[in-house]
């Protein structure tokens, strides 16, 4: 196998180093490709996170067995119970008393002496 001439390598190095139109174009292309390669994992991760949040918003939890199912089903495919479509089944506000507005709820703190 014949080795390439060092003249070819010198010409390629000079094209990159000299401020010619072709050298500037090749440097711009190389820089753009590097930028795309560095940004691609962040773009893929962002798209995956958005997809996961959309999928999660379309899921609900069965009150009987706890299985995650889509909100458009009326019956749980795991246990067969009827699924209600209120906010309690989605897991939003799983508190025992959600009828008290947050503005009227107070926390009473009483100081105690430490002996």
PDB file of N, CA and C in Angstrom:
ATOM      1  N   UNK A   1       0.843  -1.172   0.000  1.00  0.00           N
ATOM      2  CA  UNK A   1       0.000   0.000   0.000  1.00  0.00           C
ATOM      3  C   UNK A   1       0.889   1.235   0.000  1.00  0.00           C
ATOM      4  N   UNK A   2       0.652   2.122  -0.900  1.00  0.00           N
ATOM      5  CA  UNK A   2       1.475   3.321  -1.062  1.00  0.00           C
ATOM      6  C   UNK A   2       1.042   4.389  -0.068  1.00  0.00           C
ATOM      7  N   UNK A   3       2.016   5.072   0.497  1.00  0.00           N
ATOM      8  CA  UNK A   3       1.741   6.174   1.411  1.00  0.00           C
ATOM      9  C   UNK A   3       1.403   7.425   0.621  1.00  0.00           C
ATOM     10  N   UNK A   4       0.442   8.194   1.112  1.00  0.00           N
ATOM     11  CA  UNK A   4       0.125   9.436   0.400  1.00  0.00           C
ATOM     12  C   UNK A   4       1.271  10.438   0.534  1.00  0.00           C
ATOM     13  N   UNK A   5       1.381  11.251  -0.433  1.00  0.00           N
ATOM     14  CA  UNK A   5       2.448  12.236  -0.487  1.00  0.00           C
ATOM     15  C   UNK A   5       2.259  13.281   0.620  1.00  0.00           C
ATOM     16  N   UNK A   6       3.342  13.727   1.248  1.00  0.00           N
ATOM     17  CA  UNK A   6       3.212  14.789   2.259  1.00  0.00           C
ATOM     18  C   UNK A   6       2.742  16.103   1.648  1.00  0.00           C
ATOM     19  N   UNK A   7       2.830  16.207   0.359  1.00  0.00           N
ATOM     20  CA  UNK A   7       2.368  17.427  -0.302  1.00  0.00           C
ATOM     21  C   UNK A   7       0.847  17.588  -0.140  1.00  0.00           C
ATOM     22  N   UNK A   8       0.129  16.480  -0.160  1.00  0.00           N
ATOM     23  CA  UNK A   8      -1.337  16.543   0.018  1.00  0.00           C
ATOM     24  C   UNK A   8      -1.674  17.057   1.412  1.00  0.00           C
ATOM     25  N   UNK A   9      -0.960  16.564   2.416  1.00  0.00           N
ATOM     26  CA  UNK A   9      -1.209  17.010   3.778  1.00  0.00           C
ATOM     27  C   UNK A   9      -0.854  18.495   3.945  1.00  0.00           C
ATOM     28  N   UNK A  10       0.202  18.917   3.330  1.00  0.00           N
ATOM     29  CA  UNK A  10       0.571  20.331   3.415  1.00  0.00           C
ATOM     30  C   UNK A  10      -0.474  21.220   2.762  1.00  0.00           C
ATOM     31  N   UNK A  11      -1.014  20.796   1.654  1.00  0.00           N
ATOM     32  CA  UNK A  11      -2.047  21.581   0.966  1.00  0.00           C
ATOM     33  C   UNK A  11      -3.303  21.672   1.844  1.00  0.00           C
ATOM     34  N   UNK A  12      -3.701  20.549   2.457  1.00  0.00           N
ATOM     35  CA  UNK A  12      -4.882  20.566   3.334  1.00  0.00           C
ATOM     36  C   UNK A  12      -4.662  21.457   4.551  1.00  0.00           C
ATOM     37  N   UNK A  13      -3.486  21.411   5.145  1.00  0.00           N
ATOM     38  CA  UNK A  13      -3.192  22.264   6.293  1.00  0.00           C
ATOM     39  C   UNK A  13      -3.196  23.732   5.880  1.00  0.00           C
ATOM     40  N   UNK A  14      -2.629  24.042   4.725  1.00  0.00           N
ATOM     41  CA  UNK A  14      -2.615  25.425   4.260  1.00  0.00           C
ATOM     42  C   UNK A  14      -4.021  25.944   3.950  1.00  0.00           C
ATOM     43  N   UNK A  15      -4.881  25.073   3.445  1.00  0.00           N
ATOM     44  CA  UNK A  15      -6.264  25.497   3.168  1.00  0.00           C
ATOM     45  C   UNK A  15      -6.961  25.897   4.468  1.00  0.00           C
ATOM     46  N   UNK A  16      -6.698  25.127   5.554  1.00  0.00           N
ATOM     47  CA  UNK A  16      -7.319  25.469   6.829  1.00  0.00           C
ATOM     48  C   UNK A  16      -6.685  26.690   7.484  1.00  0.00           C
ATOM     49  N   UNK A  17      -5.383  26.853   7.333  1.00  0.00           N
ATOM     50  CA  UNK A  17      -4.700  27.937   8.032  1.00  0.00           C
ATOM     51  C   UNK A  17      -4.766  29.260   7.302  1.00  0.00           C
ATOM     52  N   UNK A  18      -4.716  29.249   5.998  1.00  0.00           N
ATOM     53  CA  UNK A  18      -4.773  30.501   5.254  1.00  0.00           C
ATOM     54  C   UNK A  18      -6.193  31.034   5.229  1.00  0.00           C
ATOM     55  N   UNK A  19      -6.341  32.336   5.302  1.00  0.00           N
ATOM     56  CA  UNK A  19      -7.689  32.913   5.308  1.00  0.00           C
ATOM     57  C   UNK A  19      -8.290  33.004   3.907  1.00  0.00           C
ATOM     58  N   UNK A  20      -8.418  31.889   3.262  1.00  0.00           N
ATOM     59  CA  UNK A  20      -9.060  31.874   1.944  1.00  0.00           C
ATOM     60  C   UNK A  20     -10.540  31.586   2.122  1.00  0.00           C
ATOM     61  N   UNK A  21     -11.288  31.762   1.069  1.00  0.00           N
ATOM     62  CA  UNK A  21     -12.728  31.512   1.135  1.00  0.00           C
ATOM     63  C   UNK A  21     -13.011  30.036   1.404  1.00  0.00           C
ATOM     64  N   UNK A  22     -12.268  29.152   0.765  1.00  0.00           N
ATOM     65  CA  UNK A  22     -12.473  27.723   0.972  1.00  0.00           C
ATOM     66  C   UNK A  22     -12.098  27.309   2.393  1.00  0.00           C
ATOM     67  N   UNK A  23     -11.002  27.853   2.909  1.00  0.00           N
ATOM     68  CA  UNK A  23     -10.588  27.542   4.277  1.00  0.00           C
ATOM     69  C   UNK A  23     -11.595  28.025   5.305  1.00  0.00           C
ATOM     70  N   UNK A  24     -12.089  29.220   5.103  1.00  0.00           N
ATOM     71  CA  UNK A  24     -13.105  29.758   6.021  1.00  0.00           C
ATOM     72  C   UNK A  24     -14.389  28.943   5.944  1.00  0.00           C
ATOM     73  N   UNK A  25     -14.776  28.530   4.734  1.00  0.00           N
ATOM     74  CA  UNK A  25     -15.977  27.719   4.576  1.00  0.00           C
ATOM     75  C   UNK A  25     -15.829  26.372   5.284  1.00  0.00           C
ATOM     76  N   UNK A  26     -14.665  25.724   5.113  1.00  0.00           N
ATOM     77  CA  UNK A  26     -14.451  24.429   5.761  1.00  0.00           C
ATOM     78  C   UNK A  26     -14.421  24.559   7.284  1.00  0.00           C
ATOM     79  N   UNK A  27     -13.832  25.649   7.785  1.00  0.00           N
ATOM     80  CA  UNK A  27     -13.848  25.870   9.231  1.00  0.00           C
ATOM     81  C   UNK A  27     -15.260  26.140   9.743  1.00  0.00           C
ATOM     82  N   UNK A  28     -16.058  26.871   8.982  1.00  0.00           N
ATOM     83  CA  UNK A  28     -17.449  27.119   9.368  1.00  0.00           C
ATOM     84  C   UNK A  28     -18.251  25.827   9.402  1.00  0.00           C
ATOM     85  N   UNK A  29     -18.056  24.970   8.405  1.00  0.00           N
ATOM     86  CA  UNK A  29     -18.768  23.690   8.375  1.00  0.00           C
ATOM     87  C   UNK A  29     -18.344  22.822   9.546  1.00  0.00           C
ATOM     88  N   UNK A  30     -17.025  22.776   9.826  1.00  0.00           N
ATOM     89  CA  UNK A  30     -16.532  21.963  10.939  1.00  0.00           C
ATOM     90  C   UNK A  30     -17.067  22.495  12.276  1.00  0.00           C
ATOM     91  N   UNK A  31     -17.106  23.806  12.429  1.00  0.00           N
ATOM     92  CA  UNK A  31     -17.641  24.395  13.662  1.00  0.00           C
ATOM     93  C   UNK A  31     -19.123  24.128  13.831  1.00  0.00           C
ATOM     94  N   UNK A  32     -19.870  24.195  12.745  1.00  0.00           N
ATOM     95  CA  UNK A  32     -21.302  23.925  12.811  1.00  0.00           C
ATOM     96  C   UNK A  32     -21.577  22.472  13.163  1.00  0.00           C
ATOM     97  N   UNK A  33     -20.800  21.567  12.570  1.00  0.00           N
ATOM     98  CA  UNK A  33     -20.980  20.149  12.900  1.00  0.00           C
ATOM     99  C   UNK A  33     -20.646  19.882  14.364  1.00  0.00           C
ATOM    100  N   UNK A  34     -19.616  20.511  14.872  1.00  0.00           N
ATOM    101  CA  UNK A  34     -19.257  20.342  16.276  1.00  0.00           C
ATOM    102  C   UNK A  34     -20.349  20.885  17.191  1.00  0.00           C
ATOM    103  N   UNK A  35     -20.922  22.028  16.841  1.00  0.00           N
ATOM    104  CA  UNK A  35     -22.004  22.606  17.634  1.00  0.00           C
ATOM    105  C   UNK A  35     -23.222  21.692  17.641  1.00  0.00           C
ATOM    106  N   UNK A  36     -23.568  21.126  16.502  1.00  0.00           N
ATOM    107  CA  UNK A  36     -24.702  20.210  16.420  1.00  0.00           C
ATOM    108  C   UNK A  36     -24.443  18.961  17.245  1.00  0.00           C
ATOM    109  N   UNK A  37     -23.236  18.424  17.173  1.00  0.00           N
ATOM    110  CA  UNK A  37     -22.908  17.226  17.943  1.00  0.00           C
ATOM    111  C   UNK A  37     -22.931  17.489  19.445  1.00  0.00           C
ATOM    112  N   UNK A  38     -22.554  18.687  19.871  1.00  0.00           N
ATOM    113  CA  UNK A  38     -22.598  19.011  21.288  1.00  0.00           C
ATOM    114  C   UNK A  38     -24.022  19.282  21.775  1.00  0.00           C
ATOM    115  N   UNK A  39     -24.867  19.859  20.937  1.00  0.00           N
ATOM    116  CA  UNK A  39     -26.224  20.208  21.341  1.00  0.00           C
ATOM    117  C   UNK A  39     -27.207  19.059  21.188  1.00  0.00           C
ATOM    118  N   UNK A  40     -26.878  18.066  20.381  1.00  0.00           N
ATOM    119  CA  UNK A  40     -27.809  16.972  20.095  1.00  0.00           C
ATOM    120  C   UNK A  40     -28.242  16.199  21.334  1.00  0.00           C
ATOM    121  N   UNK A  41     -27.362  15.835  22.273  1.00  0.00           N
ATOM    122  CA  UNK A  41     -27.846  15.126  23.470  1.00  0.00           C
ATOM    123  C   UNK A  41     -28.824  15.945  24.305  1.00  0.00           C
ATOM    124  N   UNK A  42     -28.609  17.262  24.382  1.00  0.00           N
ATOM    125  CA  UNK A  42     -29.529  18.104  25.139  1.00  0.00           C
ATOM    126  C   UNK A  42     -30.888  18.204  24.444  1.00  0.00           C
ATOM    127  N   UNK A  43     -30.888  18.285  23.120  1.00  0.00           N
ATOM    128  CA  UNK A  43     -32.148  18.333  22.384  1.00  0.00           C
ATOM    129  C   UNK A  43     -32.917  17.030  22.517  1.00  0.00           C
ATOM    130  N   UNK A  44     -32.235  15.903  22.446  1.00  0.00           N
ATOM    131  CA  UNK A  44     -32.892  14.609  22.592  1.00  0.00           C
ATOM    132  C   UNK A  44     -33.446  14.448  24.005  1.00  0.00           C
ATOM    133  N   UNK A  45     -32.673  14.857  25.016  1.00  0.00           N
ATOM    134  CA  UNK A  45     -33.143  14.763  26.395  1.00  0.00           C
ATOM    135  C   UNK A  45     -34.360  15.659  26.625  1.00  0.00           C
ATOM    136  N   UNK A  46     -34.354  16.860  26.068  1.00  0.00           N
ATOM    137  CA  UNK A  46     -35.503  17.759  26.204  1.00  0.00           C
ATOM    138  C   UNK A  46     -36.743  17.205  25.535  1.00  0.00           C
ATOM    139  N   UNK A  47     -36.592  16.640  24.355  1.00  0.00           N
ATOM    140  CA  UNK A  47     -37.740  16.055  23.659  1.00  0.00           C
ATOM    141  C   UNK A  47     -38.273  14.841  24.419  1.00  0.00           C
ATOM    142  N   UNK A  48     -37.369  14.050  24.984  1.00  0.00           N
ATOM    143  CA  UNK A  48     -37.799  12.902  25.780  1.00  0.00           C
ATOM    144  C   UNK A  48     -38.530  13.318  27.035  1.00  0.00           C
ATOM    145  N   UNK A  49     -38.063  14.375  27.690  1.00  0.00           N
ATOM    146  CA  UNK A  49     -38.725  14.861  28.903  1.00  0.00           C
ATOM    147  C   UNK A  49     -40.122  15.397  28.588  1.00  0.00           C
ATOM    148  N   UNK A  50     -40.238  16.143  27.489  1.00  0.00           N
ATOM    149  CA  UNK A  50     -41.553  16.668  27.098  1.00  0.00           C
ATOM    150  C   UNK A  50     -42.500  15.517  26.757  1.00  0.00           C
ATOM    151  N   UNK A  51     -42.003  14.511  26.033  1.00  0.00           N
ATOM    152  CA  UNK A  51     -42.833  13.341  25.720  1.00  0.00           C
ATOM    153  C   UNK A  51     -43.274  12.599  26.965  1.00  0.00           C
ATOM    154  N   UNK A  52     -42.379  12.466  27.946  1.00  0.00           N
ATOM    155  CA  UNK A  52     -42.722  11.782  29.189  1.00  0.00           C
ATOM    156  C   UNK A  52     -43.785  12.554  29.964  1.00  0.00           C
ATOM    157  N   UNK A  53     -43.676  13.892  30.005  1.00  0.00           N
ATOM    158  CA  UNK A  53     -44.681  14.699  30.707  1.00  0.00           C
ATOM    159  C   UNK A  53     -46.046  14.612  30.014  1.00  0.00           C
ATOM    160  N   UNK A  54     -46.061  14.574  28.683  1.00  0.00           N
ATOM    161  CA  UNK A  54     -47.329  14.437  27.965  1.00  0.00           C
ATOM    162  C   UNK A  54     -47.948  13.077  28.247  1.00  0.00           C
ATOM    163  N   UNK A  55     -47.135  12.026  28.219  1.00  0.00           N
ATOM    164  CA  UNK A  55     -47.639  10.687  28.522  1.00  0.00           C
ATOM    165  C   UNK A  55     -48.137  10.598  29.952  1.00  0.00           C
ATOM    166  N   UNK A  56     -47.426  11.210  30.880  1.00  0.00           N
ATOM    167  CA  UNK A  56     -47.823  11.171  32.276  1.00  0.00           C
ATOM    168  C   UNK A  56     -49.133  11.921  32.512  1.00  0.00           C
ATOM    169  N   UNK A  57     -49.395  12.975  31.749  1.00  0.00           N
ATOM    170  CA  UNK A  57     -50.641  13.719  31.918  1.00  0.00           C
ATOM    171  C   UNK A  57     -51.838  12.929  31.408  1.00  0.00           C
ATOM    172  N   UNK A  58     -51.600  11.964  30.552  1.00  0.00           N
ATOM    173  CA  UNK A  58     -52.703  11.156  30.017  1.00  0.00           C
ATOM    174  C   UNK A  58     -52.942   9.879  30.813  1.00  0.00           C
ATOM    175  N   UNK A  59     -52.190   9.663  31.886  1.00  0.00           N
ATOM    176  CA  UNK A  59     -52.360   8.479  32.705  1.00  0.00           C
ATOM    177  C   UNK A  59     -53.142   8.804  33.961  1.00  0.00           C
ATOM    178  N   UNK A  60     -53.866   7.834  34.461  1.00  0.00           N
ATOM    179  CA  UNK A  60     -54.571   7.942  35.727  1.00  0.00           C
ATOM    180  C   UNK A  60     -54.306   6.675  36.524  1.00  0.00           C
ATOM    181  N   UNK A  61     -54.595   6.718  37.797  1.00  0.00           N
ATOM    182  CA  UNK A  61     -54.336   5.581  38.667  1.00  0.00           C
ATOM    183  C   UNK A  61     -55.653   4.964  39.111  1.00  0.00           C
ATOM    184  N   UNK A  62     -55.743   3.641  39.039  1.00  0.00           N
ATOM    185  CA  UNK A  62     -56.929   2.921  39.493  1.00  0.00           C
ATOM    186  C   UNK A  62     -57.001   3.015  41.010  1.00  0.00           C
ATOM    187  N   UNK A  63     -58.179   3.341  41.542  1.00  0.00           N
ATOM    188  CA  UNK A  63     -58.343   3.485  42.984  1.00  0.00           C
ATOM    189  C   UNK A  63     -58.335   2.142  43.696  1.00  0.00           C
ATOM    190  N   UNK A  64     -58.632   1.064  42.997  1.00  0.00           N
ATOM    191  CA  UNK A  64     -58.716  -0.246  43.631  1.00  0.00           C
ATOM    192  C   UNK A  64     -57.355  -0.945  43.655  1.00  0.00           C
ATOM    193  N   UNK A  65     -56.725  -1.093  42.500  1.00  0.00           N
ATOM    194  CA  UNK A  65     -55.478  -1.860  42.433  1.00  0.00           C
ATOM    195  C   UNK A  65     -54.233  -0.992  42.286  1.00  0.00           C
ATOM    196  N   UNK A  66     -54.367   0.277  41.930  1.00  0.00           N
ATOM    197  CA  UNK A  66     -53.224   1.176  41.817  1.00  0.00           C
ATOM    198  C   UNK A  66     -52.498   1.113  40.490  1.00  0.00           C
ATOM    199  N   UNK A  67     -53.052   0.419  39.506  1.00  0.00           N
ATOM    200  CA  UNK A  67     -52.414   0.314  38.199  1.00  0.00           C
ATOM    201  C   UNK A  67     -52.541   1.636  37.447  1.00  0.00           C
ATOM    202  N   UNK A  68     -51.515   1.991  36.683  1.00  0.00           N
ATOM    203  CA  UNK A  68     -51.553   3.202  35.854  1.00  0.00           C
ATOM    204  C   UNK A  68     -52.199   2.850  34.523  1.00  0.00           C
ATOM    205  N   UNK A  69     -53.267   3.573  34.184  1.00  0.00           N
ATOM    206  CA  UNK A  69     -54.006   3.323  32.945  1.00  0.00           C
ATOM    207  C   UNK A  69     -54.270   4.658  32.264  1.00  0.00           C
ATOM    208  N   UNK A  70     -54.626   4.598  30.976  1.00  0.00           N
ATOM    209  CA  UNK A  70     -54.948   5.819  30.240  1.00  0.00           C
ATOM    210  C   UNK A  70     -56.300   6.354  30.687  1.00  0.00           C
ATOM    211  N   UNK A  71     -56.487   7.668  30.594  1.00  0.00           N
ATOM    212  CA  UNK A  71     -57.692   8.307  31.112  1.00  0.00           C
ATOM    213  C   UNK A  71     -58.929   8.023  30.271  1.00  0.00           C
ATOM    214  N   UNK A  72     -58.756   7.578  29.037  1.00  0.00           N
ATOM    215  CA  UNK A  72     -59.933   7.353  28.193  1.00  0.00           C
ATOM    216  C   UNK A  72     -60.595   5.998  28.430  1.00  0.00           C
ATOM    217  N   UNK A  73     -60.041   5.151  29.271  1.00  0.00           N
ATOM    218  CA  UNK A  73     -60.659   3.861  29.559  1.00  0.00           C
ATOM    219  C   UNK A  73     -61.629   4.002  30.715  1.00  0.00           C
ATOM    220  N   UNK A  74     -62.764   3.339  30.624  1.00  0.00           N
ATOM    221  CA  UNK A  74     -63.777   3.407  31.667  1.00  0.00           C
ATOM    222  C   UNK A  74     -63.633   2.274  32.671  1.00  0.00           C
ATOM    223  N   UNK A  75     -62.877   1.238  32.311  1.00  0.00           N
ATOM    224  CA  UNK A  75     -62.723   0.083  33.181  1.00  0.00           C
ATOM    225  C   UNK A  75     -61.239  -0.270  33.283  1.00  0.00           C
ATOM    226  N   UNK A  76     -60.800  -0.619  34.479  1.00  0.00           N
ATOM    227  CA  UNK A  76     -59.402  -0.972  34.692  1.00  0.00           C
ATOM    228  C   UNK A  76     -59.115  -2.321  34.037  1.00  0.00           C
ATOM    229  N   UNK A  77     -58.086  -2.408  33.175  1.00  0.00           N
ATOM    230  CA  UNK A  77     -57.793  -3.681  32.523  1.00  0.00           C
ATOM    231  C   UNK A  77     -57.168  -4.716  33.472  1.00  0.00           C
ATOM    232  N   UNK A  78     -56.673  -4.298  34.623  1.00  0.00           N
ATOM    233  CA  UNK A  78     -56.033  -5.224  35.553  1.00  0.00           C
ATOM    234  C   UNK A  78     -57.047  -5.874  36.478  1.00  0.00           C
ATOM    235  N   UNK A  79     -57.863  -5.039  37.162  1.00  0.00           N
ATOM    236  CA  UNK A  79     -58.801  -5.600  38.145  1.00  0.00           C
ATOM    237  C   UNK A  79     -60.251  -5.581  37.674  1.00  0.00           C
ATOM    238  N   UNK A  80     -60.573  -4.824  36.643  1.00  0.00           N
ATOM    239  CA  UNK A  80     -61.933  -4.802  36.097  1.00  0.00           C
ATOM    240  C   UNK A  80     -62.865  -3.821  36.771  1.00  0.00           C
ATOM    241  N   UNK A  81     -62.398  -3.014  37.708  1.00  0.00           N
ATOM    242  CA  UNK A  81     -63.275  -2.061  38.386  1.00  0.00           C
ATOM    243  C   UNK A  81     -63.500  -0.828  37.506  1.00  0.00           C
ATOM    244  N   UNK A  82     -64.585  -0.109  37.785  1.00  0.00           N
ATOM    245  CA  UNK A  82     -64.903   1.110  37.052  1.00  0.00           C
ATOM    246  C   UNK A  82     -63.963   2.225  37.505  1.00  0.00           C
ATOM    247  N   UNK A  83     -63.488   3.016  36.551  1.00  0.00           N
ATOM    248  CA  UNK A  83     -62.545   4.083  36.845  1.00  0.00           C
ATOM    249  C   UNK A  83     -63.290   5.402  36.812  1.00  0.00           C
ATOM    250  N   UNK A  84     -63.135   6.197  37.886  1.00  0.00           N
ATOM    251  CA  UNK A  84     -63.744   7.527  37.894  1.00  0.00           C
ATOM    252  C   UNK A  84     -62.753   8.508  37.297  1.00  0.00           C
ATOM    253  N   UNK A  85     -63.252   9.569  36.693  1.00  0.00           N
ATOM    254  CA  UNK A  85     -62.391  10.534  36.002  1.00  0.00           C
ATOM    255  C   UNK A  85     -62.260  11.837  36.773  1.00  0.00           C
ATOM    256  N   UNK A  86     -62.302  11.790  38.104  1.00  0.00           N
ATOM    257  CA  UNK A  86     -62.125  13.014  38.867  1.00  0.00           C
ATOM    258  C   UNK A  86     -60.652  13.217  39.206  1.00  0.00           C
ATOM    259  N   UNK A  87     -60.333  14.338  39.855  1.00  0.00           N
ATOM    260  CA  UNK A  87     -58.941  14.672  40.149  1.00  0.00           C
ATOM    261  C   UNK A  87     -58.349  13.767  41.221  1.00  0.00           C
ATOM    262  N   UNK A  88     -59.169  13.168  42.069  1.00  0.00           N
ATOM    263  CA  UNK A  88     -58.639  12.290  43.112  1.00  0.00           C
ATOM    264  C   UNK A  88     -57.993  11.054  42.512  1.00  0.00           C
ATOM    265  N   UNK A  89     -58.530  10.518  41.413  1.00  0.00           N
ATOM    266  CA  UNK A  89     -57.965   9.313  40.823  1.00  0.00           C
ATOM    267  C   UNK A  89     -56.663   9.587  40.095  1.00  0.00           C
ATOM    268  N   UNK A  90     -56.419  10.832  39.706  1.00  0.00           N
ATOM    269  CA  UNK A  90     -55.168  11.165  39.038  1.00  0.00           C
ATOM    270  C   UNK A  90     -54.033  11.370  40.016  1.00  0.00           C
ATOM    271  N   UNK A  91     -54.336  11.420  41.306  1.00  0.00           N
ATOM    272  CA  UNK A  91     -53.293  11.632  42.284  1.00  0.00           C
ATOM    273  C   UNK A  91     -53.044  13.097  42.564  1.00  0.00           C
ATOM    274  N   UNK A  92     -53.913  13.990  42.092  1.00  0.00           N
ATOM    275  CA  UNK A  92     -53.777  15.415  42.345  1.00  0.00           C
ATOM    276  C   UNK A  92     -54.558  15.728  43.614  1.00  0.00           C
ATOM    277  N   UNK A  93     -53.870  16.087  44.644  1.00  0.00           N
ATOM    278  CA  UNK A  93     -54.535  16.398  45.907  1.00  0.00           C
ATOM    279  C   UNK A  93     -54.935  15.157  46.651  1.00  0.00           C
ATOM    280  N   UNK A  94     -53.993  14.297  46.990  1.00  0.00           N
ATOM    281  CA  UNK A  94     -54.300  13.076  47.718  1.00  0.00           C
ATOM    282  C   UNK A  94     -54.447  13.325  49.214  1.00  0.00           C
ATOM    283  N   UNK A  95     -54.739  14.529  49.611  1.00  0.00           N
ATOM    284  CA  UNK A  95     -54.891  14.838  51.024  1.00  0.00           C
ATOM    285  C   UNK A  95     -56.263  14.392  51.490  1.00  0.00           C
ATOM    286  N   UNK A  96     -56.394  14.187  52.799  1.00  0.00           N
ATOM    287  CA  UNK A  96     -57.648  13.674  53.327  1.00  0.00           C
ATOM    288  C   UNK A  96     -58.762  14.707  53.284  1.00  0.00           C
ATOM    289  N   UNK A  97     -58.452  15.993  53.481  1.00  0.00           N
ATOM    290  CA  UNK A  97     -59.482  17.026  53.471  1.00  0.00           C
ATOM    291  C   UNK A  97     -59.087  18.097  52.471  1.00  0.00           C
ATOM    292  N   UNK A  98     -59.529  17.966  51.236  1.00  0.00           N
ATOM    293  CA  UNK A  98     -59.184  18.935  50.206  1.00  0.00           C
ATOM    294  C   UNK A  98     -60.263  19.999  50.019  1.00  0.00           C
ATOM    295  N   UNK A  99     -61.297  20.011  50.901  1.00  0.00           N
ATOM    296  CA  UNK A  99     -62.356  21.001  50.752  1.00  0.00           C
ATOM    297  C   UNK A  99     -62.001  22.333  51.394  1.00  0.00           C
ATOM    298  N   UNK A 100     -60.964  22.401  52.214  1.00  0.00           N
ATOM    299  CA  UNK A 100     -60.558  23.640  52.858  1.00  0.00           C
ATOM    300  C   UNK A 100     -59.666  24.418  51.893  1.00  0.00           C
ATOM    301  N   UNK A 101     -60.010  25.657  51.586  1.00  0.00           N
ATOM    302  CA  UNK A 101     -59.138  26.433  50.705  1.00  0.00           C
ATOM    303  C   UNK A 101     -57.808  26.727  51.396  1.00  0.00           C
ATOM    304  N   UNK A 102     -56.770  26.857  50.621  1.00  0.00           N
ATOM    305  CA  UNK A 102     -55.436  27.060  51.162  1.00  0.00           C
ATOM    306  C   UNK A 102     -55.312  28.393  51.890  1.00  0.00           C
ATOM    307  N   UNK A 103     -56.118  29.391  51.507  1.00  0.00           N
ATOM    308  CA  UNK A 103     -56.013  30.693  52.145  1.00  0.00           C
ATOM    309  C   UNK A 103     -56.566  30.681  53.568  1.00  0.00           C
ATOM    310  N   UNK A 104     -57.469  29.740  53.893  1.00  0.00           N
ATOM    311  CA  UNK A 104     -58.029  29.711  55.235  1.00  0.00           C
ATOM    312  C   UNK A 104     -57.368  28.668  56.132  1.00  0.00           C
ATOM    313  N   UNK A 105     -56.491  27.861  55.608  1.00  0.00           N
ATOM    314  CA  UNK A 105     -55.802  26.870  56.419  1.00  0.00           C
ATOM    315  C   UNK A 105     -54.664  27.542  57.178  1.00  0.00           C
ATOM    316  N   UNK A 106     -54.581  27.273  58.488  1.00  0.00           N
ATOM    317  CA  UNK A 106     -53.532  27.846  59.321  1.00  0.00           C
ATOM    318  C   UNK A 106     -52.805  26.744  60.070  1.00  0.00           C
ATOM    319  N   UNK A 107     -51.609  27.058  60.481  1.00  0.00           N
ATOM    320  CA  UNK A 107     -50.818  26.142  61.287  1.00  0.00           C
ATOM    321  C   UNK A 107     -50.585  26.823  62.620  1.00  0.00           C
ATOM    322  N   UNK A 108     -51.044  26.201  63.681  1.00  0.00           N
ATOM    323  CA  UNK A 108     -50.864  26.762  65.019  1.00  0.00           C
ATOM    324  C   UNK A 108     -49.607  26.179  65.637  1.00  0.00           C
ATOM    325  N   UNK A 109     -48.742  27.074  66.132  1.00  0.00           N
ATOM    326  CA  UNK A 109     -47.496  26.665  66.762  1.00  0.00           C
ATOM    327  C   UNK A 109     -47.517  27.142  68.198  1.00  0.00           C
ATOM    328  N   UNK A 110     -47.272  26.225  69.104  1.00  0.00           N
ATOM    329  CA  UNK A 110     -47.223  26.609  70.520  1.00  0.00           C
ATOM    330  C   UNK A 110     -45.806  26.356  71.020  1.00  0.00           C
ATOM    331  N   UNK A 111     -45.224  27.349  71.697  1.00  0.00           N
ATOM    332  CA  UNK A 111     -43.863  27.158  72.201  1.00  0.00           C
ATOM    333  C   UNK A 111     -43.877  26.295  73.460  1.00  0.00           C
ATOM    334  N   UNK A 112     -42.835  25.506  73.635  1.00  0.00           N
ATOM    335  CA  UNK A 112     -42.687  24.678  74.830  1.00  0.00           C
ATOM    336  C   UNK A 112     -41.353  25.010  75.469  1.00  0.00           C
ATOM    337  N   UNK A 113     -41.336  24.988  76.807  1.00  0.00           N
ATOM    338  CA  UNK A 113     -40.102  25.217  77.539  1.00  0.00           C
ATOM    339  C   UNK A 113     -39.270  23.953  77.564  1.00  0.00           C
ATOM    340  N   UNK A 114     -37.981  24.108  77.359  1.00  0.00           N
ATOM    341  CA  UNK A 114     -37.078  22.974  77.427  1.00  0.00           C
ATOM    342  C   UNK A 114     -36.342  23.056  78.754  1.00  0.00           C
ATOM    343  N   UNK A 115     -36.491  22.049  79.559  1.00  0.00           N
ATOM    344  CA  UNK A 115     -35.831  22.055  80.896  1.00  0.00           C
ATOM    345  C   UNK A 115     -34.592  21.212  80.899  1.00  0.00           C
TER     346      UNK A 115
END
